[in-house]
Structures are given as structure tokens and as C-alpha cells.
């Protein structure tokens, strides 16, 4: 069985493959950086007090910081 989880629940060092983005309000910059279903990402940093999460998109080695509210809308499976 696949371990499906939203990105806001991940720990530093976790690697996941994005399954679904559950909102149409995600900024276009995410897609431009290669952040879309099928992408493999790794959690690099998590800010304290519900701050942003820094993700490394492994396909192109881009770093992207997303709000926790945006991370809740992105479902992925651990690899």
C-alpha cells in the first residue's frame, strides 16, 4: 500500500512523489519550476511556528518555499 500524505505533514529529509494538487489557486511559479504531479521533491527546511516549508525539486534541483496552507493542498506518496 502506498503511503499517501499531504506535504504539510512531512519531516525534514522526507522524499515524496507528488500525486495531486487539490486546488486551482496554486501559483503558476510552482509549475514553472517543475512542481507538478509526478515530480519528486525532498523537504529541506521547515520554519518554526507554522512558517513556510522549503522543498527541493529533484528533477531540476530548484528550491521552492511554500506556505503551510499551500502544502496542505498537495498530496504525495512517500518513496
Protein backbone atom coordinates (compact mmCIF):
# COMPACT_ATOMS: atom_id res chain seq x y z
CA UNK A 1 0.00 0.00 0.00
CA UNK A 2 1.20 3.47 -0.82
CA UNK A 3 1.86 5.91 2.00
CA UNK A 4 -0.13 8.97 0.85
CA UNK A 5 0.28 12.20 2.82
CA UNK A 6 -0.09 15.97 2.39
CA UNK A 7 3.15 17.94 2.22
CA UNK A 8 2.50 19.82 5.47
CA UNK A 9 2.83 16.53 7.41
CA UNK A 10 6.32 15.66 6.11
CA UNK A 11 9.55 15.79 8.10
CA UNK A 12 12.91 17.19 7.01
CA UNK A 13 14.63 14.70 4.70
CA UNK A 14 11.42 13.00 3.50
CA UNK A 15 11.21 12.36 -0.25
CA UNK A 16 7.86 12.13 -1.99
CA UNK A 17 6.33 11.95 -5.44
CA UNK A 18 3.53 14.47 -5.93
CA UNK A 19 0.20 12.79 -6.76
CA UNK A 20 -2.27 15.63 -6.86
CA UNK A 21 -2.63 19.35 -6.29
CA UNK A 22 -6.11 19.84 -4.83
CA UNK A 23 -6.58 23.48 -5.77
CA UNK A 24 -6.60 25.61 -8.89
CA UNK A 25 -5.26 28.57 -6.89
CA UNK A 26 -1.65 27.31 -6.77
CA UNK A 27 0.67 29.99 -8.20
CA UNK A 28 1.95 29.48 -11.77
CA UNK A 29 5.55 29.74 -10.48
CA UNK A 30 5.16 26.26 -8.95
CA UNK A 31 4.52 24.73 -12.36
CA UNK A 32 7.25 26.82 -13.99
CA UNK A 33 9.79 25.42 -11.51
CA UNK A 34 8.73 21.83 -12.23
CA UNK A 35 6.42 21.42 -9.22
CA UNK A 36 3.56 19.32 -10.65
CA UNK A 37 2.07 15.80 -10.29
CA UNK A 38 4.78 13.22 -10.89
CA UNK A 39 7.60 15.43 -9.57
CA UNK A 40 9.86 14.08 -6.84
CA UNK A 41 10.60 16.54 -4.03
CA UNK A 42 12.57 16.47 -0.78
CA UNK A 43 11.87 18.52 2.34
CA UNK A 44 14.95 20.63 3.08
CA UNK A 45 13.79 23.03 5.83
CA UNK A 46 10.73 23.74 7.93
CA UNK A 47 10.32 27.13 9.58
CA UNK A 48 9.08 27.16 13.18
CA UNK A 49 5.63 28.33 14.27
CA UNK A 50 3.77 27.10 11.18
CA UNK A 51 6.07 29.00 8.83
CA UNK A 52 6.91 28.00 5.25
CA UNK A 53 8.35 24.70 4.09
CA UNK A 54 11.39 24.62 1.78
CA UNK A 55 11.29 21.86 -0.84
CA UNK A 56 13.96 20.72 -3.30
CA UNK A 57 12.55 19.67 -6.67
CA UNK A 58 14.97 16.87 -7.52
CA UNK A 59 14.36 16.93 -11.28
CA UNK A 60 15.99 20.34 -11.73
CA UNK A 61 17.47 20.96 -8.26
CA UNK A 62 15.25 24.01 -7.69
CA UNK A 63 14.40 25.15 -4.17
CA UNK A 64 10.91 26.44 -3.51
CA UNK A 65 9.34 27.71 -0.29
CA UNK A 66 5.62 27.19 0.12
CA UNK A 67 3.15 28.25 2.78
CA UNK A 68 1.79 25.60 5.10
CA UNK A 69 -1.70 26.38 3.76
CA UNK A 70 -0.48 25.56 0.23
CA UNK A 71 1.31 22.41 1.43
CA UNK A 72 -1.97 21.06 2.87
CA UNK A 73 -3.47 21.08 -0.64
CA UNK A 74 -0.70 18.95 -2.18
CA UNK A 75 -0.99 15.18 -1.81
CA UNK A 76 2.03 12.94 -2.37
CA UNK A 77 3.28 9.40 -1.77
CA UNK A 78 6.46 8.64 0.15
CA UNK A 79 9.25 6.97 -1.76
